[in-house]
Amino acid sequence: MRHKLATKRLGRNDDHRRSMLRNLATSLFTHGKIETTIVRAKEVSRVASRLITRAKKGDLQSRRLIAAYLTSEEVAKKVVDVIAPSLAGRKGGYTRVIRTRIRKGDAAEMAQLELLQS
């Protein structure tokens, strides 16, 4: 039973889940929006919010933690130098989850996760 557990397991073991969330977050910051299942989109939204909040500080420790989490140095620089300053006026809610369609193969509900422009 998952009483009081913070994250969804997403049907994967811990290492695979962490790796998948890192890759999805990197893709979100690279392209500005991604399409995935609703549950994954909500989990990646939580991760992205934490990273953007960390990037808004802009200090060296924050840059290092963001670079350690994301899979690309260029994307980490983009988060700190471009995305975080554009969202400086917001206190939260950096992403939007929009339900898009039902996937044909397994009838999973799909959603588009996008960064908000501010």
PDB file of N, CA and C in Angstrom:
ATOM      1  N   MET A   1       0.838  -1.184   0.000  1.00  0.00           N
ATOM      2  CA  MET A   1       0.000   0.000   0.000  1.00  0.00           C
ATOM      3  C   MET A   1       0.878   1.240   0.000  1.00  0.00           C
ATOM      4  N   ARG A   2       0.398   2.299  -0.632  1.00  0.00           N
ATOM      5  CA  ARG A   2       1.237   3.486  -0.763  1.00  0.00           C
ATOM      6  C   ARG A   2       0.759   4.618   0.138  1.00  0.00           C
ATOM      7  N   HIS A   3       0.544   4.316   1.412  1.00  0.00           N
ATOM      8  CA  HIS A   3       0.107   5.349   2.341  1.00  0.00           C
ATOM      9  C   HIS A   3       1.185   6.416   2.501  1.00  0.00           C
ATOM     10  N   LYS A   4       0.816   7.658   2.274  1.00  0.00           N
ATOM     11  CA  LYS A   4       1.676   8.837   2.507  1.00  0.00           C
ATOM     12  C   LYS A   4       2.983   8.815   1.723  1.00  0.00           C
ATOM     13  N   LEU A   5       3.018   8.179   0.574  1.00  0.00           N
ATOM     14  CA  LEU A   5       4.207   8.223  -0.262  1.00  0.00           C
ATOM     15  C   LEU A   5       4.093   9.414  -1.201  1.00  0.00           C
ATOM     16  N   ALA A   6       5.198  10.082  -1.445  1.00  0.00           N
ATOM     17  CA  ALA A   6       5.167  11.354  -2.158  1.00  0.00           C
ATOM     18  C   ALA A   6       5.036  11.203  -3.663  1.00  0.00           C
ATOM     19  N   THR A   7       5.608  10.167  -4.238  1.00  0.00           N
ATOM     20  CA  THR A   7       5.654  10.073  -5.695  1.00  0.00           C
ATOM     21  C   THR A   7       4.928   8.833  -6.189  1.00  0.00           C
ATOM     22  N   LYS A   8       4.536   8.865  -7.463  1.00  0.00           N
ATOM     23  CA  LYS A   8       3.957   7.707  -8.128  1.00  0.00           C
ATOM     24  C   LYS A   8       5.088   6.791  -8.575  1.00  0.00           C
ATOM     25  N   ARG A   9       4.837   5.508  -8.607  1.00  0.00           N
ATOM     26  CA  ARG A   9       5.880   4.566  -9.002  1.00  0.00           C
ATOM     27  C   ARG A   9       5.961   4.393 -10.502  1.00  0.00           C
ATOM     28  N   LEU A  10       4.886   4.665 -11.207  1.00  0.00           N
ATOM     29  CA  LEU A  10       4.846   4.633 -12.666  1.00  0.00           C
ATOM     30  C   LEU A  10       5.196   3.270 -13.251  1.00  0.00           C
ATOM     31  N   GLY A  11       5.023   2.219 -12.465  1.00  0.00           N
ATOM     32  CA  GLY A  11       5.257   0.867 -12.966  1.00  0.00           C
ATOM     33  C   GLY A  11       6.710   0.563 -13.267  1.00  0.00           C
ATOM     34  N   ARG A  12       7.630   1.257 -12.621  1.00  0.00           N
ATOM     35  CA  ARG A  12       9.051   1.076 -12.884  1.00  0.00           C
ATOM     36  C   ARG A  12       9.811   0.975 -11.566  1.00  0.00           C
ATOM     37  N   ASN A  13      11.018   0.437 -11.630  1.00  0.00           N
ATOM     38  CA  ASN A  13      11.834   0.453 -10.428  1.00  0.00           C
ATOM     39  C   ASN A  13      12.436   1.852 -10.237  1.00  0.00           C
ATOM     40  N   ASP A  14      13.091   2.070  -9.122  1.00  0.00           N
ATOM     41  CA  ASP A  14      13.523   3.420  -8.752  1.00  0.00           C
ATOM     42  C   ASP A  14      14.484   4.039  -9.760  1.00  0.00           C
ATOM     43  N   ASP A  15      15.481   3.267 -10.185  1.00  0.00           N
ATOM     44  CA  ASP A  15      16.475   3.812 -11.111  1.00  0.00           C
ATOM     45  C   ASP A  15      15.858   4.175 -12.452  1.00  0.00           C
ATOM     46  N   HIS A  16      15.011   3.299 -12.960  1.00  0.00           N
ATOM     47  CA  HIS A  16      14.379   3.557 -14.253  1.00  0.00           C
ATOM     48  C   HIS A  16      13.452   4.774 -14.168  1.00  0.00           C
ATOM     49  N   ARG A  17      12.710   4.878 -13.075  1.00  0.00           N
ATOM     50  CA  ARG A  17      11.795   6.016 -12.901  1.00  0.00           C
ATOM     51  C   ARG A  17      12.565   7.337 -12.829  1.00  0.00           C
ATOM     52  N   ARG A  18      13.630   7.369 -12.039  1.00  0.00           N
ATOM     53  CA  ARG A  18      14.439   8.596 -11.929  1.00  0.00           C
ATOM     54  C   ARG A  18      15.030   8.985 -13.272  1.00  0.00           C
ATOM     55  N   SER A  19      15.534   7.998 -13.995  1.00  0.00           N
ATOM     56  CA  SER A  19      16.115   8.259 -15.306  1.00  0.00           C
ATOM     57  C   SER A  19      15.072   8.776 -16.282  1.00  0.00           C
ATOM     58  N   MET A  20      13.888   8.196 -16.262  1.00  0.00           N
ATOM     59  CA  MET A  20      12.820   8.630 -17.150  1.00  0.00           C
ATOM     60  C   MET A  20      12.400  10.068 -16.837  1.00  0.00           C
ATOM     61  N   LEU A  21      12.276  10.409 -15.564  1.00  0.00           N
ATOM     62  CA  LEU A  21      11.885  11.764 -15.188  1.00  0.00           C
ATOM     63  C   LEU A  21      12.967  12.778 -15.562  1.00  0.00           C
ATOM     64  N   ARG A  22      14.232  12.393 -15.424  1.00  0.00           N
ATOM     65  CA  ARG A  22      15.322  13.274 -15.838  1.00  0.00           C
ATOM     66  C   ARG A  22      15.268  13.534 -17.337  1.00  0.00           C
ATOM     67  N   ASN A  23      15.053  12.479 -18.114  1.00  0.00           N
ATOM     68  CA  ASN A  23      14.988  12.625 -19.565  1.00  0.00           C
ATOM     69  C   ASN A  23      13.787  13.454 -19.994  1.00  0.00           C
ATOM     70  N   LEU A  24      12.631  13.230 -19.363  1.00  0.00           N
ATOM     71  CA  LEU A  24      11.446  14.009 -19.709  1.00  0.00           C
ATOM     72  C   LEU A  24      11.616  15.480 -19.330  1.00  0.00           C
ATOM     73  N   ALA A  25      12.224  15.749 -18.181  1.00  0.00           N
ATOM     74  CA  ALA A  25      12.455  17.136 -17.774  1.00  0.00           C
ATOM     75  C   ALA A  25      13.428  17.824 -18.731  1.00  0.00           C
ATOM     76  N   THR A  26      14.468  17.116 -19.143  1.00  0.00           N
ATOM     77  CA  THR A  26      15.417  17.684 -20.096  1.00  0.00           C
ATOM     78  C   THR A  26      14.729  17.985 -21.422  1.00  0.00           C
ATOM     79  N   SER A  27      13.870  17.078 -21.885  1.00  0.00           N
ATOM     80  CA  SER A  27      13.137  17.310 -23.130  1.00  0.00           C
ATOM     81  C   SER A  27      12.173  18.480 -22.996  1.00  0.00           C
ATOM     82  N   LEU A  28      11.530  18.605 -21.848  1.00  0.00           N
ATOM     83  CA  LEU A  28      10.613  19.726 -21.627  1.00  0.00           C
ATOM     84  C   LEU A  28      11.345  21.054 -21.727  1.00  0.00           C
ATOM     85  N   PHE A  29      12.506  21.157 -21.087  1.00  0.00           N
ATOM     86  CA  PHE A  29      13.260  22.409 -21.133  1.00  0.00           C
ATOM     87  C   PHE A  29      13.882  22.652 -22.498  1.00  0.00           C
ATOM     88  N   THR A  30      14.182  21.601 -23.236  1.00  0.00           N
ATOM     89  CA  THR A  30      14.751  21.751 -24.571  1.00  0.00           C
ATOM     90  C   THR A  30      13.721  22.256 -25.565  1.00  0.00           C
ATOM     91  N   HIS A  31      12.550  21.626 -25.579  1.00  0.00           N
ATOM     92  CA  HIS A  31      11.546  21.909 -26.609  1.00  0.00           C
ATOM     93  C   HIS A  31      10.432  22.839 -26.151  1.00  0.00           C
ATOM     94  N   GLY A  32      10.273  23.033 -24.852  1.00  0.00           N
ATOM     95  CA  GLY A  32       9.202  23.894 -24.352  1.00  0.00           C
ATOM     96  C   GLY A  32       7.903  23.169 -24.107  1.00  0.00           C
ATOM     97  N   LYS A  33       7.702  22.034 -24.761  1.00  0.00           N
ATOM     98  CA  LYS A  33       6.513  21.218 -24.514  1.00  0.00           C
ATOM     99  C   LYS A  33       6.792  19.790 -24.945  1.00  0.00           C
ATOM    100  N   ILE A  34       6.104  18.845 -24.285  1.00  0.00           N
ATOM    101  CA  ILE A  34       6.231  17.437 -24.612  1.00  0.00           C
ATOM    102  C   ILE A  34       4.852  16.800 -24.509  1.00  0.00           C
ATOM    103  N   GLU A  35       4.681  15.654 -25.189  1.00  0.00           N
ATOM    104  CA  GLU A  35       3.447  14.894 -25.059  1.00  0.00           C
ATOM    105  C   GLU A  35       3.767  13.562 -24.417  1.00  0.00           C
ATOM    106  N   THR A  36       3.048  13.253 -23.347  1.00  0.00           N
ATOM    107  CA  THR A  36       3.252  12.021 -22.611  1.00  0.00           C
ATOM    108  C   THR A  36       1.933  11.657 -21.936  1.00  0.00           C
ATOM    109  N   THR A  37       1.947  10.627 -21.111  1.00  0.00           N
ATOM    110  CA  THR A  37       0.711  10.265 -20.418  1.00  0.00           C
ATOM    111  C   THR A  37       0.441  11.275 -19.307  1.00  0.00           C
ATOM    112  N   ILE A  38      -0.790  11.305 -18.837  1.00  0.00           N
ATOM    113  CA  ILE A  38      -1.182  12.297 -17.839  1.00  0.00           C
ATOM    114  C   ILE A  38      -0.410  12.113 -16.536  1.00  0.00           C
ATOM    115  N   VAL A  39      -0.272  10.887 -16.086  1.00  0.00           N
ATOM    116  CA  VAL A  39       0.413  10.644 -14.814  1.00  0.00           C
ATOM    117  C   VAL A  39       1.873  11.061 -14.906  1.00  0.00           C
ATOM    118  N   ARG A  40       2.528  10.712 -16.013  1.00  0.00           N
ATOM    119  CA  ARG A  40       3.924  11.127 -16.197  1.00  0.00           C
ATOM    120  C   ARG A  40       4.028  12.636 -16.285  1.00  0.00           C
ATOM    121  N   ALA A  41       3.096  13.269 -16.980  1.00  0.00           N
ATOM    122  CA  ALA A  41       3.128  14.723 -17.127  1.00  0.00           C
ATOM    123  C   ALA A  41       3.028  15.411 -15.767  1.00  0.00           C
ATOM    124  N   LYS A  42       2.175  14.897 -14.902  1.00  0.00           N
ATOM    125  CA  LYS A  42       2.035  15.499 -13.574  1.00  0.00           C
ATOM    126  C   LYS A  42       3.307  15.329 -12.745  1.00  0.00           C
ATOM    127  N   GLU A  43       3.950  14.173 -12.852  1.00  0.00           N
ATOM    128  CA  GLU A  43       5.198  13.950 -12.113  1.00  0.00           C
ATOM    129  C   GLU A  43       6.323  14.830 -12.654  1.00  0.00           C
ATOM    130  N   VAL A  44       6.423  14.935 -13.970  1.00  0.00           N
ATOM    131  CA  VAL A  44       7.466  15.780 -14.563  1.00  0.00           C
ATOM    132  C   VAL A  44       7.205  17.246 -14.232  1.00  0.00           C
ATOM    133  N   SER A  45       5.945  17.627 -14.127  1.00  0.00           N
ATOM    134  CA  SER A  45       5.603  18.993 -13.752  1.00  0.00           C
ATOM    135  C   SER A  45       6.148  19.320 -12.362  1.00  0.00           C
ATOM    136  N   ARG A  46       6.029  18.368 -11.441  1.00  0.00           N
ATOM    137  CA  ARG A  46       6.575  18.577 -10.091  1.00  0.00           C
ATOM    138  C   ARG A  46       8.085  18.754 -10.133  1.00  0.00           C
ATOM    139  N   VAL A  47       8.752  17.903 -10.916  1.00  0.00           N
ATOM    140  CA  VAL A  47      10.211  17.971 -11.034  1.00  0.00           C
ATOM    141  C   VAL A  47      10.633  19.302 -11.656  1.00  0.00           C
ATOM    142  N   ALA A  48       9.950  19.701 -12.727  1.00  0.00           N
ATOM    143  CA  ALA A  48      10.294  20.939 -13.422  1.00  0.00           C
ATOM    144  C   ALA A  48      10.082  22.151 -12.521  1.00  0.00           C
ATOM    145  N   SER A  49       9.028  22.131 -11.728  1.00  0.00           N
ATOM    146  CA  SER A  49       8.778  23.251 -10.818  1.00  0.00           C
ATOM    147  C   SER A  49       9.902  23.395  -9.795  1.00  0.00           C
ATOM    148  N   ARG A  50      10.352  22.257  -9.270  1.00  0.00           N
ATOM    149  CA  ARG A  50      11.462  22.309  -8.315  1.00  0.00           C
ATOM    150  C   ARG A  50      12.731  22.859  -8.968  1.00  0.00           C
ATOM    151  N   LEU A  51      13.003  22.422 -10.201  1.00  0.00           N
ATOM    152  CA  LEU A  51      14.212  22.877 -10.884  1.00  0.00           C
ATOM    153  C   LEU A  51      14.141  24.375 -11.200  1.00  0.00           C
ATOM    154  N   ILE A  52      12.985  24.854 -11.642  1.00  0.00           N
ATOM    155  CA  ILE A  52      12.850  26.274 -11.966  1.00  0.00           C
ATOM    156  C   ILE A  52      12.967  27.122 -10.707  1.00  0.00           C
ATOM    157  N   THR A  53      12.350  26.666  -9.619  1.00  0.00           N
ATOM    158  CA  THR A  53      12.468  27.400  -8.358  1.00  0.00           C
ATOM    159  C   THR A  53      13.918  27.464  -7.912  1.00  0.00           C
ATOM    160  N   ARG A  54      14.634  26.368  -8.075  1.00  0.00           N
ATOM    161  CA  ARG A  54      16.057  26.353  -7.736  1.00  0.00           C
ATOM    162  C   ARG A  54      16.834  27.294  -8.657  1.00  0.00           C
ATOM    163  N   ALA A  55      16.479  27.314  -9.947  1.00  0.00           N
ATOM    164  CA  ALA A  55      17.206  28.132 -10.917  1.00  0.00           C
ATOM    165  C   ALA A  55      16.961  29.619 -10.698  1.00  0.00           C
ATOM    166  N   LYS A  56      15.840  29.977 -10.093  1.00  0.00           N
ATOM    167  CA  LYS A  56      15.549  31.388  -9.854  1.00  0.00           C
ATOM    168  C   LYS A  56      16.524  32.011  -8.856  1.00  0.00           C
ATOM    169  N   LYS A  57      17.139  31.181  -8.000  1.00  0.00           N
ATOM    170  CA  LYS A  57      18.181  31.695  -7.107  1.00  0.00           C
ATOM    171  C   LYS A  57      19.385  32.167  -7.917  1.00  0.00           C
ATOM    172  N   GLY A  58      19.808  31.332  -8.862  1.00  0.00           N
ATOM    173  CA  GLY A  58      20.883  31.703  -9.768  1.00  0.00           C
ATOM    174  C   GLY A  58      22.286  31.600  -9.206  1.00  0.00           C
ATOM    175  N   ASP A  59      22.463  31.107  -7.988  1.00  0.00           N
ATOM    176  CA  ASP A  59      23.806  31.014  -7.429  1.00  0.00           C
ATOM    177  C   ASP A  59      24.525  29.765  -7.947  1.00  0.00           C
ATOM    178  N   LEU A  60      25.778  29.641  -7.600  1.00  0.00           N
ATOM    179  CA  LEU A  60      26.605  28.562  -8.120  1.00  0.00           C
ATOM    180  C   LEU A  60      26.095  27.193  -7.686  1.00  0.00           C
ATOM    181  N   GLN A  61      25.686  27.076  -6.429  1.00  0.00           N
ATOM    182  CA  GLN A  61      25.178  25.793  -5.939  1.00  0.00           C
ATOM    183  C   GLN A  61      23.937  25.361  -6.724  1.00  0.00           C
ATOM    184  N   SER A  62      23.064  26.293  -7.008  1.00  0.00           N
ATOM    185  CA  SER A  62      21.858  25.970  -7.776  1.00  0.00           C
ATOM    186  C   SER A  62      22.216  25.514  -9.178  1.00  0.00           C
ATOM    187  N   ARG A  63      23.143  26.203  -9.813  1.00  0.00           N
ATOM    188  CA  ARG A  63      23.585  25.809 -11.154  1.00  0.00           C
ATOM    189  C   ARG A  63      24.150  24.393 -11.155  1.00  0.00           C
ATOM    190  N   ARG A  64      24.924  24.068 -10.139  1.00  0.00           N
ATOM    191  CA  ARG A  64      25.525  22.738 -10.069  1.00  0.00           C
ATOM    192  C   ARG A  64      24.493  21.657  -9.842  1.00  0.00           C
ATOM    193  N   LEU A  65      23.516  21.917  -8.974  1.00  0.00           N
ATOM    194  CA  LEU A  65      22.478  20.922  -8.723  1.00  0.00           C
ATOM    195  C   LEU A  65      21.614  20.695  -9.963  1.00  0.00           C
ATOM    196  N   ILE A  66      21.299  21.756 -10.681  1.00  0.00           N
ATOM    197  CA  ILE A  66      20.499  21.630 -11.902  1.00  0.00           C
ATOM    198  C   ILE A  66      21.284  20.880 -12.967  1.00  0.00           C
ATOM    199  N   ALA A  67      22.564  21.209 -13.112  1.00  0.00           N
ATOM    200  CA  ALA A  67      23.404  20.526 -14.103  1.00  0.00           C
ATOM    201  C   ALA A  67      23.577  19.048 -13.748  1.00  0.00           C
ATOM    202  N   ALA A  68      23.596  18.731 -12.460  1.00  0.00           N
ATOM    203  CA  ALA A  68      23.728  17.336 -12.049  1.00  0.00           C
ATOM    204  C   ALA A  68      22.454  16.550 -12.330  1.00  0.00           C
ATOM    205  N   TYR A  69      21.299  17.211 -12.283  1.00  0.00           N
ATOM    206  CA  TYR A  69      20.034  16.504 -12.502  1.00  0.00           C
ATOM    207  C   TYR A  69      19.726  16.331 -13.985  1.00  0.00           C
ATOM    208  N   LEU A  70      19.861  17.393 -14.762  1.00  0.00           N
ATOM    209  CA  LEU A  70      19.525  17.319 -16.184  1.00  0.00           C
ATOM    210  C   LEU A  70      20.617  16.578 -16.942  1.00  0.00           C
ATOM    211  N   THR A  71      20.270  16.054 -18.109  1.00  0.00           N
ATOM    212  CA  THR A  71      21.215  15.216 -18.845  1.00  0.00           C
ATOM    213  C   THR A  71      22.048  15.999 -19.846  1.00  0.00           C
ATOM    214  N   SER A  72      21.901  17.318 -19.910  1.00  0.00           N
ATOM    215  CA  SER A  72      22.643  18.122 -20.866  1.00  0.00           C
ATOM    216  C   SER A  72      23.091  19.427 -20.222  1.00  0.00           C
ATOM    217  N   GLU A  73      24.356  19.759 -20.396  1.00  0.00           N
ATOM    218  CA  GLU A  73      24.891  21.011 -19.850  1.00  0.00           C
ATOM    219  C   GLU A  73      24.247  22.230 -20.504  1.00  0.00           C
ATOM    220  N   GLU A  74      23.993  22.153 -21.822  1.00  0.00           N
ATOM    221  CA  GLU A  74      23.399  23.289 -22.532  1.00  0.00           C
ATOM    222  C   GLU A  74      21.990  23.575 -22.023  1.00  0.00           C
ATOM    223  N   VAL A  75      21.244  22.521 -21.746  1.00  0.00           N
ATOM    224  CA  VAL A  75      19.883  22.700 -21.234  1.00  0.00           C
ATOM    225  C   VAL A  75      19.928  23.280 -19.821  1.00  0.00           C
ATOM    226  N   ALA A  76      20.897  22.852 -19.018  1.00  0.00           N
ATOM    227  CA  ALA A  76      21.027  23.397 -17.665  1.00  0.00           C
ATOM    228  C   ALA A  76      21.320  24.901 -17.719  1.00  0.00           C
ATOM    229  N   LYS A  77      22.190  25.309 -18.640  1.00  0.00           N
ATOM    230  CA  LYS A  77      22.465  26.740 -18.807  1.00  0.00           C
ATOM    231  C   LYS A  77      21.227  27.488 -19.259  1.00  0.00           C
ATOM    232  N   LYS A  78      20.460  26.868 -20.169  1.00  0.00           N
ATOM    233  CA  LYS A  78      19.239  27.495 -20.671  1.00  0.00           C
ATOM    234  C   LYS A  78      18.234  27.700 -19.541  1.00  0.00           C
ATOM    235  N   VAL A  79      18.119  26.717 -18.655  1.00  0.00           N
ATOM    236  CA  VAL A  79      17.170  26.832 -17.538  1.00  0.00           C
ATOM    237  C   VAL A  79      17.541  28.010 -16.647  1.00  0.00           C
ATOM    238  N   VAL A  80      18.815  28.133 -16.316  1.00  0.00           N
ATOM    239  CA  VAL A  80      19.240  29.179 -15.392  1.00  0.00           C
ATOM    240  C   VAL A  80      19.268  30.555 -16.064  1.00  0.00           C
ATOM    241  N   ASP A  81      19.730  30.628 -17.310  1.00  0.00           N
ATOM    242  CA  ASP A  81      19.944  31.920 -17.959  1.00  0.00           C
ATOM    243  C   ASP A  81      18.737  32.445 -18.723  1.00  0.00           C
ATOM    244  N   VAL A  82      17.856  31.569 -19.212  1.00  0.00           N
ATOM    245  CA  VAL A  82      16.746  32.006 -20.056  1.00  0.00           C
ATOM    246  C   VAL A  82      15.380  31.747 -19.405  1.00  0.00           C
ATOM    247  N   ILE A  83      15.132  30.509 -19.012  1.00  0.00           N
ATOM    248  CA  ILE A  83      13.800  30.143 -18.539  1.00  0.00           C
ATOM    249  C   ILE A  83      13.490  30.745 -17.174  1.00  0.00           C
ATOM    250  N   ALA A  84      14.400  30.605 -16.211  1.00  0.00           N
ATOM    251  CA  ALA A  84      14.137  31.124 -14.864  1.00  0.00           C
ATOM    252  C   ALA A  84      13.927  32.639 -14.838  1.00  0.00           C
ATOM    253  N   PRO A  85      14.740  33.452 -15.536  1.00  0.00           N
ATOM    254  CA  PRO A  85      14.464  34.895 -15.523  1.00  0.00           C
ATOM    255  C   PRO A  85      13.133  35.263 -16.172  1.00  0.00           C
ATOM    256  N   SER A  86      12.705  34.492 -17.174  1.00  0.00           N
ATOM    257  CA  SER A  86      11.425  34.805 -17.811  1.00  0.00           C
ATOM    258  C   SER A  86      10.247  34.486 -16.899  1.00  0.00           C
ATOM    259  N   LEU A  87      10.452  33.608 -15.921  1.00  0.00           N
ATOM    260  CA  LEU A  87       9.396  33.241 -14.987  1.00  0.00           C
ATOM    261  C   LEU A  87       9.606  33.849 -13.601  1.00  0.00           C
ATOM    262  N   ALA A  88      10.442  34.877 -13.513  1.00  0.00           N
ATOM    263  CA  ALA A  88      10.793  35.462 -12.218  1.00  0.00           C
ATOM    264  C   ALA A  88       9.592  36.088 -11.523  1.00  0.00           C
ATOM    265  N   GLY A  89       8.624  36.583 -12.269  1.00  0.00           N
ATOM    266  CA  GLY A  89       7.463  37.225 -11.666  1.00  0.00           C
ATOM    267  C   GLY A  89       6.439  36.256 -11.101  1.00  0.00           C
ATOM    268  N   ARG A  90       6.549  34.970 -11.423  1.00  0.00           N
ATOM    269  CA  ARG A  90       5.585  33.974 -10.959  1.00  0.00           C
ATOM    270  C   ARG A  90       6.063  33.328  -9.665  1.00  0.00           C
ATOM    271  N   LYS A  91       5.140  33.027  -8.792  1.00  0.00           N
ATOM    272  CA  LYS A  91       5.491  32.360  -7.542  1.00  0.00           C
ATOM    273  C   LYS A  91       5.300  30.844  -7.622  1.00  0.00           C
ATOM    274  N   GLY A  92       4.892  30.358  -8.758  1.00  0.00           N
ATOM    275  CA  GLY A  92       4.678  28.925  -8.940  1.00  0.00           C
ATOM    276  C   GLY A  92       3.822  28.726 -10.171  1.00  0.00           C
ATOM    277  N   GLY A  93       3.489  27.490 -10.455  1.00  0.00           N
ATOM    278  CA  GLY A  93       2.656  27.211 -11.611  1.00  0.00           C
ATOM    279  C   GLY A  93       3.371  27.502 -12.907  1.00  0.00           C
ATOM    280  N   TYR A  94       4.540  26.910 -13.081  1.00  0.00           N
ATOM    281  CA  TYR A  94       5.372  27.193 -14.245  1.00  0.00           C
ATOM    282  C   TYR A  94       4.982  26.347 -15.456  1.00  0.00           C
ATOM    283  N   THR A  95       4.199  25.301 -15.234  1.00  0.00           N
ATOM    284  CA  THR A  95       3.845  24.398 -16.325  1.00  0.00           C
ATOM    285  C   THR A  95       2.329  24.267 -16.431  1.00  0.00           C
ATOM    286  N   ARG A  96       1.874  23.776 -17.569  1.00  0.00           N
ATOM    287  CA  ARG A  96       0.453  23.543 -17.821  1.00  0.00           C
ATOM    288  C   ARG A  96       0.300  22.147 -18.411  1.00  0.00           C
ATOM    289  N   VAL A  97      -0.657  21.379 -17.889  1.00  0.00           N
ATOM    290  CA  VAL A  97      -0.961  20.045 -18.398  1.00  0.00           C
ATOM    291  C   VAL A  97      -2.299  20.117 -19.124  1.00  0.00           C
ATOM    292  N   ILE A  98      -2.284  19.800 -20.414  1.00  0.00           N
ATOM    293  CA  ILE A  98      -3.489  19.833 -21.230  1.00  0.00           C
ATOM    294  C   ILE A  98      -3.756  18.422 -21.737  1.00  0.00           C
ATOM    295  N   ARG A  99      -4.926  17.893 -21.432  1.00  0.00           N
ATOM    296  CA  ARG A  99      -5.291  16.558 -21.916  1.00  0.00           C
ATOM    297  C   ARG A  99      -5.528  16.641 -23.418  1.00  0.00           C
ATOM    298  N   THR A 100      -4.935  15.713 -24.163  1.00  0.00           N
ATOM    299  CA  THR A 100      -5.013  15.813 -25.613  1.00  0.00           C
ATOM    300  C   THR A 100      -5.840  14.707 -26.263  1.00  0.00           C
ATOM    301  N   ARG A 101      -5.539  13.437 -25.975  1.00  0.00           N
ATOM    302  CA  ARG A 101      -6.174  12.365 -26.731  1.00  0.00           C
ATOM    303  C   ARG A 101      -6.057  11.062 -25.951  1.00  0.00           C
ATOM    304  N   ILE A 102      -6.643  10.028 -26.510  1.00  0.00           N
ATOM    305  CA  ILE A 102      -6.488   8.666 -25.999  1.00  0.00           C
ATOM    306  C   ILE A 102      -5.547   7.938 -26.952  1.00  0.00           C
ATOM    307  N   ARG A 103      -4.474   7.369 -26.422  1.00  0.00           N
ATOM    308  CA  ARG A 103      -3.521   6.656 -27.259  1.00  0.00           C
ATOM    309  C   ARG A 103      -4.160   5.384 -27.793  1.00  0.00           C
ATOM    310  N   LYS A 104      -3.978   5.146 -29.073  1.00  0.00           N
ATOM    311  CA  LYS A 104      -4.678   4.062 -29.735  1.00  0.00           C
ATOM    312  C   LYS A 104      -4.207   2.676 -29.278  1.00  0.00           C
ATOM    313  N   GLY A 105      -2.936   2.494 -29.031  1.00  0.00           N
ATOM    314  CA  GLY A 105      -2.407   1.170 -28.727  1.00  0.00           C
ATOM    315  C   GLY A 105      -2.888   0.594 -27.412  1.00  0.00           C
ATOM    316  N   ASP A 106      -2.886   1.421 -26.343  1.00  0.00           N
ATOM    317  CA  ASP A 106      -3.242   0.890 -25.029  1.00  0.00           C
ATOM    318  C   ASP A 106      -4.299   1.728 -24.316  1.00  0.00           C
ATOM    319  N   ALA A 107      -4.918   2.664 -25.020  1.00  0.00           N
ATOM    320  CA  ALA A 107      -5.981   3.510 -24.481  1.00  0.00           C
ATOM    321  C   ALA A 107      -5.528   4.346 -23.296  1.00  0.00           C
ATOM    322  N   ALA A 108      -4.239   4.715 -23.278  1.00  0.00           N
ATOM    323  CA  ALA A 108      -3.742   5.590 -22.216  1.00  0.00           C
ATOM    324  C   ALA A 108      -4.139   7.032 -22.528  1.00  0.00           C
ATOM    325  N   GLU A 109      -4.500   7.770 -21.476  1.00  0.00           N
ATOM    326  CA  GLU A 109      -4.837   9.181 -21.665  1.00  0.00           C
ATOM    327  C   GLU A 109      -3.549   9.968 -21.841  1.00  0.00           C
ATOM    328  N   MET A 110      -3.461  10.713 -22.927  1.00  0.00           N
ATOM    329  CA  MET A 110      -2.265  11.483 -23.231  1.00  0.00           C
ATOM    330  C   MET A 110      -2.481  12.940 -22.845  1.00  0.00           C
ATOM    331  N   ALA A 111      -1.380  13.621 -22.581  1.00  0.00           N
ATOM    332  CA  ALA A 111      -1.444  15.025 -22.214  1.00  0.00           C
ATOM    333  C   ALA A 111      -0.238  15.742 -22.779  1.00  0.00           C
ATOM    334  N   GLN A 112      -0.412  17.036 -22.998  1.00  0.00           N
ATOM    335  CA  GLN A 112       0.690  17.880 -23.433  1.00  0.00           C
ATOM    336  C   GLN A 112       1.124  18.718 -22.233  1.00  0.00           C
ATOM    337  N   LEU A 113       2.396  18.629 -21.902  1.00  0.00           N
ATOM    338  CA  LEU A 113       2.968  19.400 -20.810  1.00  0.00           C
ATOM    339  C   LEU A 113       3.775  20.525 -21.425  1.00  0.00           C
ATOM    340  N   GLU A 114       3.491  21.764 -21.045  1.00  0.00           N
ATOM    341  CA  GLU A 114       4.194  22.893 -21.642  1.00  0.00           C
ATOM    342  C   GLU A 114       4.602  23.891 -20.574  1.00  0.00           C
ATOM    343  N   LEU A 115       5.714  24.551 -20.846  1.00  0.00           N
ATOM    344  CA  LEU A 115       6.165  25.630 -19.971  1.00  0.00           C
ATOM    345  C   LEU A 115       5.354  26.883 -20.277  1.00  0.00           C
ATOM    346  N   LEU A 116       5.014  27.616 -19.249  1.00  0.00           N
ATOM    347  CA  LEU A 116       4.279  28.851 -19.446  1.00  0.00           C
ATOM    348  C   LEU A 116       5.252  29.982 -19.780  1.00  0.00           C
ATOM    349  N   GLN A 117       4.807  30.895 -20.608  1.00  0.00           N
ATOM    350  CA  GLN A 117       5.614  32.069 -20.925  1.00  0.00           C
ATOM    351  C   GLN A 117       5.100  33.227 -20.096  1.00  0.00           C
ATOM    352  N   SER A 118       5.993  33.945 -19.466  1.00  0.00           N
ATOM    353  CA  SER A 118       5.528  35.025 -18.622  1.00  0.00           C
ATOM    354  C   SER A 118       6.265  36.306 -18.860  1.00  0.00           C
TER     355      SER A 118
END
